[in-house]
Amino acid sequence: MEKYDRTLKESHTFLSRWSDSQYERITAVTASHRSLQITLFRDNQNLIITCGYPEYLRGNFEWTNPRLEASEVYWEPSKETLLRFYDFNADFEVICHSLKFIERV
């Protein structure tokens, strides 16, 4: 079993369910516990995604028609396998140690 199999399965489930979201925004960045919070919006609902211990971030803080995906990636600077959370259409990418999902419907 791969390190992040369960997380990747969970991310696929949530992101498939939220594929019709209208826009996305980085809604919080914390230094004390190093996390990045991304929120997907649709109607009066949202999906909050927390990226724990981000190592790398590239992209805008907000964009429309998000098409997010997650995968494992070997991260050379720390010489370990981490999570890659990305949207190629928006040129957004974050490399992190964990992903958590909270739905507010």
C-alpha atoms as a PDB file:
ATOM      1  CA  MET A   1       0.000   0.000   0.000  1.00  0.00           C
ATOM      2  CA  GLU A   2       1.335   3.410  -0.993  1.00  0.00           C
ATOM      3  CA  LYS A   3       1.822   6.110   1.622  1.00  0.00           C
ATOM      4  CA  TYR A   4      -1.056   8.312   0.439  1.00  0.00           C
ATOM      5  CA  ASP A   5      -3.496   5.814  -1.111  1.00  0.00           C
ATOM      6  CA  ARG A   6      -6.300   6.629   1.317  1.00  0.00           C
ATOM      7  CA  THR A   7      -5.805  10.389   0.983  1.00  0.00           C
ATOM      8  CA  LEU A   8      -5.761  10.195  -2.820  1.00  0.00           C
ATOM      9  CA  LYS A   9      -8.954   8.118  -2.857  1.00  0.00           C
ATOM     10  CA  GLU A  10     -10.644  10.613  -0.537  1.00  0.00           C
ATOM     11  CA  SER A  11      -9.469  13.566  -2.636  1.00  0.00           C
ATOM     12  CA  HIS A  12     -10.805  11.951  -5.815  1.00  0.00           C
ATOM     13  CA  THR A  13     -14.195  11.423  -4.147  1.00  0.00           C
ATOM     14  CA  PHE A  14     -14.500  15.007  -2.916  1.00  0.00           C
ATOM     15  CA  LEU A  15     -13.082  16.671  -6.023  1.00  0.00           C
ATOM     16  CA  SER A  16     -15.360  14.627  -8.309  1.00  0.00           C
ATOM     17  CA  ARG A  17     -18.359  15.666  -6.236  1.00  0.00           C
ATOM     18  CA  TRP A  18     -17.242  19.309  -6.471  1.00  0.00           C
ATOM     19  CA  SER A  19     -16.274  19.371 -10.155  1.00  0.00           C
ATOM     20  CA  ASP A  20     -19.035  21.913 -10.845  1.00  0.00           C
ATOM     21  CA  SER A  21     -17.748  24.515  -8.378  1.00  0.00           C
ATOM     22  CA  GLN A  22     -17.751  28.050  -9.711  1.00  0.00           C
ATOM     23  CA  TYR A  23     -14.541  29.421  -8.259  1.00  0.00           C
ATOM     24  CA  GLU A  24     -11.775  28.796  -5.803  1.00  0.00           C
ATOM     25  CA  ARG A  25      -9.853  30.965  -3.394  1.00  0.00           C
ATOM     26  CA  ILE A  26      -6.949  30.546  -0.995  1.00  0.00           C
ATOM     27  CA  THR A  27      -8.700  31.597   2.200  1.00  0.00           C
ATOM     28  CA  ALA A  28      -6.014  31.138   4.855  1.00  0.00           C
ATOM     29  CA  VAL A  29      -2.293  30.665   5.271  1.00  0.00           C
ATOM     30  CA  THR A  30      -0.954  29.968   8.760  1.00  0.00           C
ATOM     31  CA  ALA A  31       2.648  29.950   9.908  1.00  0.00           C
ATOM     32  CA  SER A  32       2.373  28.453  13.394  1.00  0.00           C
ATOM     33  CA  HIS A  33       1.071  25.072  12.207  1.00  0.00           C
ATOM     34  CA  ARG A  34       2.078  25.622   8.566  1.00  0.00           C
ATOM     35  CA  SER A  35      -1.097  25.114   6.617  1.00  0.00           C
ATOM     36  CA  LEU A  36      -2.790  26.457   3.525  1.00  0.00           C
ATOM     37  CA  GLN A  37      -6.573  26.540   3.244  1.00  0.00           C
ATOM     38  CA  ILE A  38      -8.293  26.482  -0.136  1.00  0.00           C
ATOM     39  CA  THR A  39     -12.056  26.893  -0.455  1.00  0.00           C
ATOM     40  CA  LEU A  40     -14.211  25.847  -3.418  1.00  0.00           C
ATOM     41  CA  PHE A  41     -17.520  27.686  -3.785  1.00  0.00           C
ATOM     42  CA  ARG A  42     -20.809  26.777  -5.435  1.00  0.00           C
ATOM     43  CA  ASP A  43     -24.192  28.299  -4.680  1.00  0.00           C
ATOM     44  CA  ASN A  44     -24.354  28.632  -0.867  1.00  0.00           C
ATOM     45  CA  GLN A  45     -22.035  25.682  -0.248  1.00  0.00           C
ATOM     46  CA  ASN A  46     -18.302  25.232   0.022  1.00  0.00           C
ATOM     47  CA  LEU A  47     -15.575  22.638   0.282  1.00  0.00           C
ATOM     48  CA  ILE A  48     -12.645  23.528   2.504  1.00  0.00           C
ATOM     49  CA  ILE A  49      -9.350  21.835   1.694  1.00  0.00           C
ATOM     50  CA  THR A  50      -6.464  22.115   4.124  1.00  0.00           C
ATOM     51  CA  CYS A  51      -2.955  21.405   2.879  1.00  0.00           C
ATOM     52  CA  GLY A  52      -0.827  20.511   5.893  1.00  0.00           C
ATOM     53  CA  TYR A  53       2.814  21.542   6.019  1.00  0.00           C
ATOM     54  CA  PRO A  54       3.094  22.958   2.495  1.00  0.00           C
ATOM     55  CA  GLU A  55       6.586  22.845   1.015  1.00  0.00           C
ATOM     56  CA  TYR A  56       5.899  24.669  -2.262  1.00  0.00           C
ATOM     57  CA  LEU A  57       3.190  26.940  -3.670  1.00  0.00           C
ATOM     58  CA  ARG A  58       2.757  28.340  -7.169  1.00  0.00           C
ATOM     59  CA  GLY A  59      -0.232  30.165  -8.622  1.00  0.00           C
ATOM     60  CA  ASN A  60      -2.934  32.716  -8.050  1.00  0.00           C
ATOM     61  CA  PHE A  61      -4.947  33.187  -4.897  1.00  0.00           C
ATOM     62  CA  GLU A  62      -8.292  32.984  -6.731  1.00  0.00           C
ATOM     63  CA  TRP A  63      -9.571  31.587 -10.039  1.00  0.00           C
ATOM     64  CA  THR A  64     -12.739  30.374 -11.722  1.00  0.00           C
ATOM     65  CA  ASN A  65     -13.744  26.917 -12.990  1.00  0.00           C
ATOM     66  CA  PRO A  66     -11.295  24.977 -10.810  1.00  0.00           C
ATOM     67  CA  ARG A  67     -10.246  21.491 -11.946  1.00  0.00           C
ATOM     68  CA  LEU A  68      -8.203  20.243  -9.020  1.00  0.00           C
ATOM     69  CA  GLU A  69      -6.398  16.923  -8.818  1.00  0.00           C
ATOM     70  CA  ALA A  70      -4.091  15.239  -6.334  1.00  0.00           C
ATOM     71  CA  SER A  71      -1.213  12.818  -6.768  1.00  0.00           C
ATOM     72  CA  GLU A  72       1.940  11.607  -5.091  1.00  0.00           C
ATOM     73  CA  VAL A  73       5.231  13.216  -6.055  1.00  0.00           C
ATOM     74  CA  TYR A  74       8.830  12.643  -5.067  1.00  0.00           C
ATOM     75  CA  TRP A  75       9.991  15.930  -3.584  1.00  0.00           C
ATOM     76  CA  GLU A  76      13.727  16.243  -4.192  1.00  0.00           C
ATOM     77  CA  PRO A  77      14.514  18.974  -1.589  1.00  0.00           C
ATOM     78  CA  SER A  78      13.342  16.759   1.300  1.00  0.00           C
ATOM     79  CA  LYS A  79      14.000  13.425  -0.455  1.00  0.00           C
ATOM     80  CA  GLU A  80      10.530  12.046   0.328  1.00  0.00           C
ATOM     81  CA  THR A  81       7.195  11.302  -1.290  1.00  0.00           C
ATOM     82  CA  LEU A  82       4.619  14.033  -0.680  1.00  0.00           C
ATOM     83  CA  LEU A  83       1.227  15.114  -2.020  1.00  0.00           C
ATOM     84  CA  ARG A  84       0.885  17.271  -5.094  1.00  0.00           C
ATOM     85  CA  PHE A  85      -2.363  19.238  -5.274  1.00  0.00           C
ATOM     86  CA  TYR A  86      -2.771  21.042  -8.584  1.00  0.00           C
ATOM     87  CA  ASP A  87      -4.912  22.648 -11.252  1.00  0.00           C
ATOM     88  CA  PHE A  88      -3.055  22.738 -14.573  1.00  0.00           C
ATOM     89  CA  ASN A  89      -5.682  24.999 -16.181  1.00  0.00           C
ATOM     90  CA  ALA A  90      -5.022  27.671 -13.550  1.00  0.00           C
ATOM     91  CA  ASP A  91      -1.274  27.030 -13.283  1.00  0.00           C
ATOM     92  CA  PHE A  92      -1.734  26.313  -9.561  1.00  0.00           C
ATOM     93  CA  GLU A  93       0.287  23.790  -7.579  1.00  0.00           C
ATOM     94  CA  VAL A  94       1.021  23.052  -3.940  1.00  0.00           C
ATOM     95  CA  ILE A  95       3.284  20.322  -2.552  1.00  0.00           C
ATOM     96  CA  CYS A  96       2.304  19.314   0.985  1.00  0.00           C
ATOM     97  CA  HIS A  97       2.412  16.572   3.612  1.00  0.00           C
ATOM     98  CA  SER A  98      -1.340  16.125   4.133  1.00  0.00           C
ATOM     99  CA  LEU A  99      -4.779  16.990   2.743  1.00  0.00           C
ATOM    100  CA  LYS A 100      -8.020  17.304   4.729  1.00  0.00           C
ATOM    101  CA  PHE A 101     -11.512  17.955   3.341  1.00  0.00           C
ATOM    102  CA  ILE A 102     -14.544  19.541   5.036  1.00  0.00           C
ATOM    103  CA  GLU A 103     -17.857  19.990   3.214  1.00  0.00           C
ATOM    104  CA  ARG A 104     -20.262  22.728   4.205  1.00  0.00           C
ATOM    105  CA  VAL A 105     -23.537  22.098   2.434  1.00  0.00           C
END
